[in-house]
Amino acid sequence: MEQDAWRAQHYALLATLLSAPPSQNLLDEIARIDITDPDSEMGRAWQGLKQVAGAVQADELEQEYNDLFIGLSEGEVIPYGSYYQTGFLNEKPLAALRQDLALLGLERQQDKKEPEDHIAAECDVMRLILTAQGTPVIDAATFFKKHISPWANQFFADLAKADSAVFYRQLAHVASVFLQSELQSIK
C-alpha cells in the first residue's frame, strides 16, 4: 500500500507539471524535497530536478512550457498518445482510451480542450486508479500496459532532447526512471 501511495504521488506530480507550468510554490516545494536514497538512479534523477527547481522562477517556466507543448502552431513535443502511436491525433489509441475511461466512470471535463490521451491526463488516471477505494474495473498494471507503456518512454526521450527544455529535461529524466521502475514492477 505504501508503494502505491509513492507511485500515486509521482503520477500526481507528473500530471501537474505536464498539464501547466508550475507555480513558484510548487517549484519551492520540489527544491526542498528530502531525497531518501540519493545514490539510487531515482535519487540522482530527483537531485537534478531539485537543483533546477531551485534555480528557476515560475515566470521563466511559463515560456519554456509554451515553447515545448503549445508553440505558435504546435510545441516542440506533442504530448498525445495517439500521435506517438500512429503519427496522427485523435486516432484509435484515443478511442480505446475513451472506452477504458468510460469503464472507470471517467469522462473528459467539458471545460478541457485537450484530448484525453494527453500525457498529463493519463498520469492523472494512474493516480486515480492507485488511490481508488476498492478494486477499480481496470487495474493500474492493465492501464499502464495499454495506455502509457506503448508511447510514454519515447515522449519523455523526446522531451529530454527538446531545444527549449531545461526544467522539463530534468522532469523527463525523473519520469523515465520512474516509468522504467513501473515497467519492471508490473511484469
N, C-alpha and C. Protein backbone atom coordinates (compact mmCIF):
# COMPACT_ATOMS: atom_id res chain seq x y z
N MET A 1 0.81 -1.20 0.00
CA MET A 1 0.00 0.00 0.00
C MET A 1 0.86 1.27 0.00
N GLU A 2 1.95 1.23 0.78
CA GLU A 2 2.86 2.38 0.81
C GLU A 2 3.48 2.61 -0.57
N GLN A 3 3.79 1.53 -1.27
CA GLN A 3 4.35 1.62 -2.62
C GLN A 3 3.34 2.27 -3.57
N ASP A 4 2.07 1.93 -3.44
CA ASP A 4 1.04 2.54 -4.29
C ASP A 4 0.92 4.04 -4.02
N ALA A 5 1.04 4.44 -2.76
CA ALA A 5 0.99 5.86 -2.42
C ALA A 5 2.17 6.60 -3.04
N TRP A 6 3.37 5.99 -2.97
CA TRP A 6 4.56 6.59 -3.58
C TRP A 6 4.36 6.74 -5.08
N ARG A 7 3.85 5.69 -5.72
CA ARG A 7 3.59 5.73 -7.16
C ARG A 7 2.56 6.80 -7.49
N ALA A 8 1.49 6.85 -6.72
CA ALA A 8 0.43 7.83 -6.96
C ALA A 8 0.98 9.25 -6.85
N GLN A 9 1.87 9.50 -5.88
CA GLN A 9 2.47 10.82 -5.75
C GLN A 9 3.30 11.19 -6.97
N HIS A 10 4.03 10.24 -7.51
CA HIS A 10 4.81 10.51 -8.71
C HIS A 10 3.89 10.83 -9.89
N TYR A 11 2.86 10.03 -10.06
CA TYR A 11 1.92 10.30 -11.14
C TYR A 11 1.23 11.65 -10.96
N ALA A 12 0.89 11.99 -9.73
CA ALA A 12 0.24 13.28 -9.47
C ALA A 12 1.16 14.44 -9.84
N LEU A 13 2.43 14.32 -9.46
CA LEU A 13 3.37 15.39 -9.79
C LEU A 13 3.57 15.49 -11.30
N LEU A 14 3.73 14.36 -11.97
CA LEU A 14 3.87 14.39 -13.43
C LEU A 14 2.64 15.02 -14.07
N ALA A 15 1.46 14.64 -13.62
CA ALA A 15 0.22 15.20 -14.17
C ALA A 15 0.18 16.71 -13.98
N THR A 16 0.55 17.16 -12.80
CA THR A 16 0.52 18.60 -12.51
C THR A 16 1.52 19.36 -13.37
N LEU A 17 2.76 18.87 -13.45
CA LEU A 17 3.81 19.59 -14.17
C LEU A 17 3.66 19.51 -15.69
N LEU A 18 2.95 18.49 -16.18
CA LEU A 18 2.78 18.35 -17.62
C LEU A 18 1.48 18.97 -18.12
N SER A 19 0.61 19.38 -17.20
CA SER A 19 -0.66 19.99 -17.62
C SER A 19 -0.57 21.51 -17.68
N ALA A 20 0.39 22.10 -16.98
CA ALA A 20 0.53 23.56 -16.94
C ALA A 20 1.89 23.89 -16.32
N PRO A 21 2.38 25.09 -16.56
CA PRO A 21 3.64 25.48 -15.91
C PRO A 21 3.46 25.49 -14.39
N PRO A 22 4.47 25.10 -13.64
CA PRO A 22 4.33 25.06 -12.19
C PRO A 22 4.32 26.44 -11.55
N SER A 23 3.66 26.53 -10.41
CA SER A 23 3.68 27.76 -9.62
C SER A 23 5.02 27.87 -8.90
N GLN A 24 5.31 29.05 -8.41
CA GLN A 24 6.54 29.24 -7.64
C GLN A 24 6.51 28.41 -6.37
N ASN A 25 5.33 28.29 -5.75
CA ASN A 25 5.22 27.46 -4.54
C ASN A 25 5.59 26.01 -4.82
N LEU A 26 5.13 25.48 -5.94
CA LEU A 26 5.45 24.09 -6.28
C LEU A 26 6.94 23.94 -6.55
N LEU A 27 7.53 24.88 -7.27
CA LEU A 27 8.97 24.83 -7.51
C LEU A 27 9.74 24.85 -6.20
N ASP A 28 9.31 25.71 -5.27
CA ASP A 28 9.99 25.79 -3.97
C ASP A 28 9.85 24.48 -3.20
N GLU A 29 8.67 23.85 -3.28
CA GLU A 29 8.47 22.55 -2.62
C GLU A 29 9.38 21.48 -3.22
N ILE A 30 9.47 21.46 -4.54
CA ILE A 30 10.35 20.48 -5.20
C ILE A 30 11.80 20.69 -4.77
N ALA A 31 12.21 21.95 -4.69
CA ALA A 31 13.59 22.26 -4.30
C ALA A 31 13.90 21.84 -2.87
N ARG A 32 12.87 21.69 -2.03
CA ARG A 32 13.07 21.31 -0.63
C ARG A 32 12.87 19.81 -0.35
N ILE A 33 12.53 19.04 -1.36
CA ILE A 33 12.26 17.62 -1.15
C ILE A 33 13.48 16.94 -0.55
N ASP A 34 13.23 16.10 0.45
CA ASP A 34 14.29 15.32 1.07
C ASP A 34 14.41 13.99 0.32
N ILE A 35 15.54 13.74 -0.28
CA ILE A 35 15.75 12.53 -1.06
C ILE A 35 16.30 11.46 -0.12
N THR A 36 15.53 10.38 0.02
CA THR A 36 15.90 9.35 0.99
C THR A 36 17.03 8.45 0.50
N ASP A 37 17.16 8.27 -0.80
CA ASP A 37 18.21 7.40 -1.34
C ASP A 37 18.93 8.14 -2.48
N PRO A 38 19.79 9.11 -2.13
CA PRO A 38 20.40 9.96 -3.15
C PRO A 38 21.36 9.23 -4.09
N ASP A 39 21.79 8.02 -3.74
CA ASP A 39 22.73 7.29 -4.58
C ASP A 39 22.04 6.38 -5.59
N SER A 40 20.74 6.24 -5.47
CA SER A 40 20.00 5.41 -6.43
C SER A 40 19.79 6.19 -7.72
N GLU A 41 19.42 5.48 -8.77
CA GLU A 41 19.13 6.16 -10.04
C GLU A 41 17.99 7.16 -9.87
N MET A 42 16.95 6.77 -9.15
CA MET A 42 15.83 7.68 -8.90
C MET A 42 16.27 8.87 -8.05
N GLY A 43 17.10 8.61 -7.05
CA GLY A 43 17.60 9.69 -6.20
C GLY A 43 18.41 10.71 -6.99
N ARG A 44 19.24 10.22 -7.89
CA ARG A 44 20.04 11.14 -8.73
C ARG A 44 19.15 11.94 -9.68
N ALA A 45 18.12 11.29 -10.21
CA ALA A 45 17.19 12.00 -11.08
C ALA A 45 16.47 13.10 -10.30
N TRP A 46 16.02 12.76 -9.10
CA TRP A 46 15.35 13.76 -8.26
C TRP A 46 16.29 14.88 -7.86
N GLN A 47 17.55 14.55 -7.61
CA GLN A 47 18.52 15.59 -7.25
C GLN A 47 18.64 16.61 -8.38
N GLY A 48 18.67 16.14 -9.62
CA GLY A 48 18.73 17.05 -10.76
C GLY A 48 17.50 17.93 -10.85
N LEU A 49 16.33 17.35 -10.61
CA LEU A 49 15.08 18.13 -10.65
C LEU A 49 15.06 19.16 -9.52
N LYS A 50 15.50 18.75 -8.33
CA LYS A 50 15.57 19.68 -7.21
C LYS A 50 16.45 20.89 -7.54
N GLN A 51 17.61 20.62 -8.12
CA GLN A 51 18.55 21.70 -8.42
C GLN A 51 17.96 22.69 -9.41
N VAL A 52 17.37 22.16 -10.48
CA VAL A 52 16.83 23.08 -11.48
C VAL A 52 15.59 23.80 -10.93
N ALA A 53 14.80 23.15 -10.09
CA ALA A 53 13.63 23.80 -9.49
C ALA A 53 14.05 24.95 -8.58
N GLY A 54 15.17 24.77 -7.90
CA GLY A 54 15.66 25.83 -7.02
C GLY A 54 16.34 26.97 -7.74
N ALA A 55 16.67 26.76 -9.01
CA ALA A 55 17.41 27.78 -9.76
C ALA A 55 16.55 28.54 -10.76
N VAL A 56 15.27 28.21 -10.86
CA VAL A 56 14.42 28.83 -11.88
C VAL A 56 13.22 29.50 -11.22
N GLN A 57 12.70 30.50 -11.88
CA GLN A 57 11.49 31.18 -11.41
C GLN A 57 10.30 30.73 -12.25
N ALA A 58 9.14 30.71 -11.63
CA ALA A 58 7.92 30.23 -12.30
C ALA A 58 7.64 30.98 -13.60
N ASP A 59 7.87 32.27 -13.65
CA ASP A 59 7.57 33.02 -14.87
C ASP A 59 8.48 32.60 -16.03
N GLU A 60 9.69 32.15 -15.73
CA GLU A 60 10.58 31.62 -16.77
C GLU A 60 10.04 30.31 -17.33
N LEU A 61 9.45 29.51 -16.47
CA LEU A 61 8.94 28.21 -16.89
C LEU A 61 7.69 28.31 -17.74
N GLU A 62 6.98 29.40 -17.61
CA GLU A 62 5.80 29.58 -18.46
C GLU A 62 6.22 29.62 -19.92
N GLN A 63 7.29 30.32 -20.23
CA GLN A 63 7.79 30.37 -21.61
C GLN A 63 8.30 29.01 -22.06
N GLU A 64 9.05 28.34 -21.18
CA GLU A 64 9.55 27.01 -21.53
C GLU A 64 8.40 26.05 -21.81
N TYR A 65 7.39 26.07 -20.96
CA TYR A 65 6.22 25.20 -21.14
C TYR A 65 5.54 25.49 -22.48
N ASN A 66 5.32 26.76 -22.75
CA ASN A 66 4.66 27.14 -24.01
C ASN A 66 5.48 26.72 -25.23
N ASP A 67 6.77 26.93 -25.19
CA ASP A 67 7.62 26.53 -26.30
C ASP A 67 7.59 25.02 -26.51
N LEU A 68 7.59 24.28 -25.43
CA LEU A 68 7.63 22.83 -25.53
C LEU A 68 6.31 22.22 -25.97
N PHE A 69 5.21 22.69 -25.40
CA PHE A 69 3.94 21.98 -25.57
C PHE A 69 2.88 22.73 -26.36
N ILE A 70 3.04 24.04 -26.57
CA ILE A 70 1.99 24.80 -27.23
C ILE A 70 2.51 25.42 -28.52
N GLY A 71 3.49 26.29 -28.44
CA GLY A 71 4.07 26.92 -29.63
C GLY A 71 3.04 27.74 -30.41
N LEU A 72 3.46 28.26 -31.57
CA LEU A 72 2.53 29.04 -32.39
C LEU A 72 1.51 28.14 -33.05
N SER A 73 1.95 27.05 -33.63
CA SER A 73 1.01 26.10 -34.22
C SER A 73 1.03 24.79 -33.44
N GLU A 74 2.19 24.40 -32.96
CA GLU A 74 2.34 23.26 -32.06
C GLU A 74 3.70 23.38 -31.38
N GLY A 75 3.82 22.77 -30.23
CA GLY A 75 5.07 22.84 -29.49
C GLY A 75 6.12 21.91 -30.06
N GLU A 76 7.29 21.94 -29.45
CA GLU A 76 8.38 21.07 -29.88
C GLU A 76 8.04 19.60 -29.66
N VAL A 77 7.27 19.32 -28.64
CA VAL A 77 6.91 17.95 -28.29
C VAL A 77 5.38 17.87 -28.23
N ILE A 78 4.83 16.88 -28.88
CA ILE A 78 3.37 16.72 -28.92
C ILE A 78 2.99 15.66 -27.88
N PRO A 79 2.29 16.08 -26.81
CA PRO A 79 2.10 15.20 -25.66
C PRO A 79 0.87 14.28 -25.72
N TYR A 80 0.60 13.70 -26.88
CA TYR A 80 -0.60 12.87 -27.04
C TYR A 80 -0.25 11.45 -27.47
N GLY A 81 -0.87 10.51 -26.81
CA GLY A 81 -0.64 9.10 -27.10
C GLY A 81 -0.95 8.72 -28.53
N SER A 82 -2.05 9.23 -29.09
CA SER A 82 -2.40 8.89 -30.47
C SER A 82 -1.31 9.31 -31.43
N TYR A 83 -0.77 10.50 -31.21
CA TYR A 83 0.27 11.00 -32.10
C TYR A 83 1.50 10.09 -32.05
N TYR A 84 1.91 9.71 -30.85
CA TYR A 84 3.10 8.86 -30.72
C TYR A 84 2.89 7.46 -31.27
N GLN A 85 1.66 6.97 -31.21
CA GLN A 85 1.41 5.60 -31.64
C GLN A 85 1.02 5.48 -33.11
N THR A 86 0.47 6.56 -33.68
CA THR A 86 0.00 6.48 -35.08
C THR A 86 0.55 7.57 -35.98
N GLY A 87 1.09 8.63 -35.39
CA GLY A 87 1.55 9.77 -36.19
C GLY A 87 0.46 10.81 -36.41
N PHE A 88 -0.73 10.56 -35.87
CA PHE A 88 -1.86 11.47 -36.03
C PHE A 88 -2.57 11.64 -34.69
N LEU A 89 -3.27 12.76 -34.54
CA LEU A 89 -4.07 12.99 -33.34
C LEU A 89 -5.44 12.33 -33.51
N ASN A 90 -6.08 12.06 -32.39
CA ASN A 90 -7.46 11.56 -32.36
C ASN A 90 -7.65 10.26 -33.13
N GLU A 91 -6.76 9.34 -32.98
CA GLU A 91 -6.83 8.06 -33.68
C GLU A 91 -7.26 6.93 -32.74
N LYS A 92 -7.11 5.70 -33.19
CA LYS A 92 -7.59 4.52 -32.46
C LYS A 92 -7.11 4.44 -31.01
N PRO A 93 -5.86 4.80 -30.70
CA PRO A 93 -5.47 4.74 -29.28
C PRO A 93 -6.35 5.62 -28.40
N LEU A 94 -6.78 6.77 -28.91
CA LEU A 94 -7.67 7.64 -28.14
C LEU A 94 -9.03 6.98 -27.95
N ALA A 95 -9.55 6.35 -28.99
CA ALA A 95 -10.84 5.66 -28.88
C ALA A 95 -10.77 4.54 -27.84
N ALA A 96 -9.69 3.77 -27.85
CA ALA A 96 -9.52 2.70 -26.86
C ALA A 96 -9.41 3.27 -25.45
N LEU A 97 -8.70 4.37 -25.31
CA LEU A 97 -8.58 5.02 -24.01
C LEU A 97 -9.95 5.49 -23.53
N ARG A 98 -10.71 6.10 -24.40
CA ARG A 98 -12.05 6.57 -24.01
C ARG A 98 -12.94 5.43 -23.54
N GLN A 99 -12.82 4.27 -24.17
CA GLN A 99 -13.60 3.11 -23.72
C GLN A 99 -13.20 2.71 -22.30
N ASP A 100 -11.92 2.67 -22.04
CA ASP A 100 -11.47 2.29 -20.70
C ASP A 100 -11.81 3.36 -19.67
N LEU A 101 -11.74 4.62 -20.06
CA LEU A 101 -12.14 5.69 -19.14
C LEU A 101 -13.62 5.56 -18.78
N ALA A 102 -14.45 5.23 -19.77
CA ALA A 102 -15.88 5.04 -19.51
C ALA A 102 -16.10 3.88 -18.53
N LEU A 103 -15.33 2.80 -18.69
CA LEU A 103 -15.44 1.68 -17.75
C LEU A 103 -15.07 2.11 -16.33
N LEU A 104 -14.13 3.04 -16.22
CA LEU A 104 -13.71 3.56 -14.92
C LEU A 104 -14.65 4.63 -14.39
N GLY A 105 -15.63 5.02 -15.21
CA GLY A 105 -16.57 6.07 -14.81
C GLY A 105 -16.00 7.47 -14.98
N LEU A 106 -15.02 7.61 -15.86
CA LEU A 106 -14.37 8.90 -16.10
C LEU A 106 -14.72 9.41 -17.48
N GLU A 107 -14.86 10.71 -17.60
CA GLU A 107 -15.07 11.32 -18.91
C GLU A 107 -14.38 12.68 -18.93
N ARG A 108 -14.15 13.17 -20.13
CA ARG A 108 -13.47 14.45 -20.29
C ARG A 108 -14.31 15.56 -19.69
N GLN A 109 -13.67 16.45 -18.97
CA GLN A 109 -14.37 17.60 -18.41
C GLN A 109 -14.73 18.56 -19.54
N GLN A 110 -15.91 19.11 -19.48
CA GLN A 110 -16.40 19.96 -20.56
C GLN A 110 -15.54 21.21 -20.78
N ASP A 111 -14.89 21.69 -19.73
CA ASP A 111 -14.06 22.90 -19.87
C ASP A 111 -12.65 22.61 -20.38
N LYS A 112 -12.33 21.34 -20.60
CA LYS A 112 -11.00 20.97 -21.10
C LYS A 112 -11.04 20.80 -22.61
N LYS A 113 -10.06 21.38 -23.29
CA LYS A 113 -9.97 21.28 -24.75
C LYS A 113 -9.09 20.12 -25.18
N GLU A 114 -8.22 19.68 -24.27
CA GLU A 114 -7.25 18.65 -24.60
C GLU A 114 -7.91 17.28 -24.75
N PRO A 115 -7.52 16.50 -25.75
CA PRO A 115 -7.98 15.11 -25.81
C PRO A 115 -7.49 14.34 -24.58
N GLU A 116 -8.17 13.28 -24.26
CA GLU A 116 -7.89 12.52 -23.06
C GLU A 116 -6.55 11.79 -23.10
N ASP A 117 -5.93 11.67 -24.27
CA ASP A 117 -4.66 10.95 -24.34
C ASP A 117 -3.45 11.86 -24.14
N HIS A 118 -3.65 13.04 -23.57
CA HIS A 118 -2.55 13.92 -23.17
C HIS A 118 -1.80 13.20 -22.05
N ILE A 119 -0.49 13.27 -22.05
CA ILE A 119 0.32 12.57 -21.05
C ILE A 119 -0.08 12.96 -19.63
N ALA A 120 -0.41 14.22 -19.40
CA ALA A 120 -0.82 14.64 -18.06
C ALA A 120 -2.11 13.95 -17.63
N ALA A 121 -3.06 13.84 -18.54
CA ALA A 121 -4.34 13.19 -18.22
C ALA A 121 -4.14 11.71 -17.93
N GLU A 122 -3.30 11.05 -18.70
CA GLU A 122 -3.07 9.63 -18.47
C GLU A 122 -2.35 9.40 -17.14
N CYS A 123 -1.43 10.29 -16.79
CA CYS A 123 -0.78 10.18 -15.47
C CYS A 123 -1.80 10.40 -14.36
N ASP A 124 -2.72 11.33 -14.57
CA ASP A 124 -3.74 11.58 -13.55
C ASP A 124 -4.67 10.38 -13.39
N VAL A 125 -4.99 9.69 -14.47
CA VAL A 125 -5.81 8.49 -14.37
C VAL A 125 -5.07 7.43 -13.56
N MET A 126 -3.77 7.28 -13.79
CA MET A 126 -3.00 6.33 -12.99
C MET A 126 -3.06 6.70 -11.51
N ARG A 127 -2.96 7.97 -11.21
CA ARG A 127 -3.09 8.42 -9.81
C ARG A 127 -4.44 8.03 -9.24
N LEU A 128 -5.49 8.26 -10.01
CA LEU A 128 -6.84 7.92 -9.55
C LEU A 128 -7.00 6.42 -9.31
N ILE A 129 -6.48 5.62 -10.22
CA ILE A 129 -6.57 4.16 -10.05
C ILE A 129 -5.82 3.72 -8.80
N LEU A 130 -4.63 4.27 -8.61
CA LEU A 130 -3.81 3.86 -7.46
C LEU A 130 -4.38 4.31 -6.12
N THR A 131 -5.18 5.35 -6.12
CA THR A 131 -5.74 5.87 -4.86
C THR A 131 -7.22 5.51 -4.71
N ALA A 132 -7.77 4.74 -5.63
CA ALA A 132 -9.19 4.38 -5.58
C ALA A 132 -9.50 3.51 -4.37
N GLN A 133 -10.66 3.73 -3.81
CA GLN A 133 -11.16 2.86 -2.75
C GLN A 133 -11.72 1.62 -3.41
N GLY A 134 -11.38 0.47 -2.93
CA GLY A 134 -11.85 -0.76 -3.54
C GLY A 134 -11.00 -1.12 -4.75
N THR A 135 -11.51 -2.03 -5.56
CA THR A 135 -10.78 -2.50 -6.72
C THR A 135 -11.38 -1.89 -7.98
N PRO A 136 -10.61 -1.07 -8.71
CA PRO A 136 -11.14 -0.48 -9.93
C PRO A 136 -11.38 -1.54 -11.01
N VAL A 137 -12.28 -1.25 -11.92
CA VAL A 137 -12.61 -2.15 -13.03
C VAL A 137 -11.37 -2.46 -13.85
N ILE A 138 -10.51 -1.48 -14.02
CA ILE A 138 -9.24 -1.64 -14.73
C ILE A 138 -8.13 -1.33 -13.73
N ASP A 139 -7.24 -2.28 -13.51
CA ASP A 139 -6.17 -2.05 -12.55
C ASP A 139 -5.04 -1.23 -13.15
N ALA A 140 -4.16 -0.78 -12.29
CA ALA A 140 -3.06 0.10 -12.72
C ALA A 140 -2.14 -0.58 -13.73
N ALA A 141 -1.85 -1.85 -13.54
CA ALA A 141 -0.95 -2.56 -14.46
C ALA A 141 -1.56 -2.63 -15.85
N THR A 142 -2.84 -2.94 -15.93
CA THR A 142 -3.51 -3.03 -17.23
C THR A 142 -3.56 -1.68 -17.91
N PHE A 143 -3.92 -0.64 -17.17
CA PHE A 143 -3.99 0.70 -17.75
C PHE A 143 -2.61 1.13 -18.24
N PHE A 144 -1.60 0.90 -17.43
CA PHE A 144 -0.24 1.27 -17.80
C PHE A 144 0.18 0.56 -19.09
N LYS A 145 -0.03 -0.75 -19.15
CA LYS A 145 0.38 -1.53 -20.32
C LYS A 145 -0.35 -1.08 -21.59
N LYS A 146 -1.63 -0.77 -21.46
CA LYS A 146 -2.42 -0.41 -22.64
C LYS A 146 -2.22 1.03 -23.09
N HIS A 147 -2.08 1.94 -22.14
CA HIS A 147 -2.19 3.35 -22.50
C HIS A 147 -0.95 4.21 -22.25
N ILE A 148 -0.05 3.78 -21.43
CA ILE A 148 1.13 4.60 -21.14
C ILE A 148 2.40 3.95 -21.70
N SER A 149 2.57 2.69 -21.43
CA SER A 149 3.78 1.99 -21.86
C SER A 149 4.05 2.05 -23.36
N PRO A 150 3.03 2.00 -24.23
CA PRO A 150 3.33 1.99 -25.67
C PRO A 150 3.98 3.27 -26.21
N TRP A 151 3.94 4.36 -25.43
CA TRP A 151 4.43 5.60 -26.02
C TRP A 151 5.15 6.55 -25.06
N ALA A 152 4.92 6.45 -23.78
CA ALA A 152 5.42 7.47 -22.85
C ALA A 152 6.95 7.53 -22.79
N ASN A 153 7.62 6.40 -22.88
CA ASN A 153 9.08 6.45 -22.85
C ASN A 153 9.64 7.26 -24.01
N GLN A 154 9.07 7.09 -25.20
CA GLN A 154 9.53 7.87 -26.35
C GLN A 154 9.21 9.35 -26.18
N PHE A 155 8.03 9.64 -25.63
CA PHE A 155 7.66 11.04 -25.36
C PHE A 155 8.69 11.68 -24.43
N PHE A 156 9.03 11.00 -23.33
CA PHE A 156 9.98 11.59 -22.38
C PHE A 156 11.39 11.66 -22.97
N ALA A 157 11.76 10.73 -23.82
CA ALA A 157 13.06 10.81 -24.50
C ALA A 157 13.08 12.03 -25.41
N ASP A 158 12.00 12.27 -26.12
CA ASP A 158 11.91 13.46 -26.99
C ASP A 158 11.92 14.74 -26.16
N LEU A 159 11.22 14.73 -25.05
CA LEU A 159 11.19 15.91 -24.18
C LEU A 159 12.60 16.21 -23.66
N ALA A 160 13.34 15.18 -23.30
CA ALA A 160 14.70 15.37 -22.79
C ALA A 160 15.63 15.97 -23.83
N LYS A 161 15.33 15.76 -25.12
CA LYS A 161 16.18 16.27 -26.20
C LYS A 161 15.69 17.60 -26.77
N ALA A 162 14.54 18.07 -26.34
CA ALA A 162 13.96 19.28 -26.91
C ALA A 162 14.85 20.49 -26.65
N ASP A 163 14.99 21.34 -27.65
CA ASP A 163 15.86 22.51 -27.55
C ASP A 163 15.46 23.44 -26.41
N SER A 164 14.17 23.61 -26.18
CA SER A 164 13.68 24.55 -25.17
C SER A 164 13.69 24.00 -23.76
N ALA A 165 13.93 22.72 -23.61
CA ALA A 165 13.81 22.08 -22.29
C ALA A 165 15.02 22.35 -21.41
N VAL A 166 14.76 22.83 -20.22
CA VAL A 166 15.76 22.95 -19.17
C VAL A 166 15.17 22.25 -17.94
N PHE A 167 14.18 22.88 -17.32
CA PHE A 167 13.47 22.24 -16.21
C PHE A 167 12.83 20.93 -16.68
N TYR A 168 12.17 20.99 -17.84
CA TYR A 168 11.45 19.81 -18.33
C TYR A 168 12.39 18.69 -18.78
N ARG A 169 13.63 19.01 -19.08
CA ARG A 169 14.62 17.97 -19.37
C ARG A 169 14.85 17.12 -18.10
N GLN A 170 14.97 17.81 -16.97
CA GLN A 170 15.16 17.09 -15.71
C GLN A 170 13.89 16.32 -15.32
N LEU A 171 12.73 16.92 -15.58
CA LEU A 171 11.48 16.21 -15.30
C LEU A 171 11.38 14.96 -16.17
N ALA A 172 11.81 15.07 -17.42
CA ALA A 172 11.79 13.91 -18.32
C ALA A 172 12.69 12.80 -17.78
N HIS A 173 13.80 13.17 -17.19
CA HIS A 173 14.70 12.17 -16.61
C HIS A 173 14.04 11.47 -15.43
N VAL A 174 13.42 12.23 -14.54
CA VAL A 174 12.70 11.63 -13.40
C VAL A 174 11.61 10.71 -13.93
N ALA A 175 10.85 11.18 -14.91
CA ALA A 175 9.75 10.38 -15.46
C ALA A 175 10.26 9.09 -16.10
N SER A 176 11.35 9.18 -16.83
CA SER A 176 11.91 7.99 -17.49
C SER A 176 12.34 6.94 -16.48
N VAL A 177 13.02 7.37 -15.44
CA VAL A 177 13.46 6.44 -14.40
C VAL A 177 12.24 5.84 -13.70
N PHE A 178 11.27 6.67 -13.40
CA PHE A 178 10.05 6.21 -12.74
C PHE A 178 9.30 5.21 -13.62
N LEU A 179 9.12 5.53 -14.89
CA LEU A 179 8.40 4.61 -15.79
C LEU A 179 9.14 3.30 -15.98
N GLN A 180 10.45 3.35 -15.96
CA GLN A 180 11.23 2.11 -16.04
C GLN A 180 10.97 1.24 -14.83
N SER A 181 10.89 1.84 -13.66
CA SER A 181 10.59 1.06 -12.46
C SER A 181 9.15 0.54 -12.50
N GLU A 182 8.25 1.30 -13.07
CA GLU A 182 6.87 0.83 -13.24
C GLU A 182 6.84 -0.38 -14.15
N LEU A 183 7.54 -0.30 -15.24
CA LEU A 183 7.57 -1.39 -16.21
C LEU A 183 8.11 -2.67 -15.57
N GLN A 184 9.16 -2.53 -14.80
CA GLN A 184 9.75 -3.69 -14.12
C GLN A 184 8.84 -4.27 -13.06
N SER A 185 8.09 -3.41 -12.37
CA SER A 185 7.25 -3.90 -11.27
C SER A 185 5.96 -4.57 -11.75
N ILE A 186 5.51 -4.29 -12.96
CA ILE A 186 4.24 -4.86 -13.41
C ILE A 186 4.41 -6.07 -14.33
N LYS A 187 5.64 -6.46 -14.60
CA LYS A 187 5.87 -7.61 -15.49
C LYS A 187 5.28 -8.87 -14.96
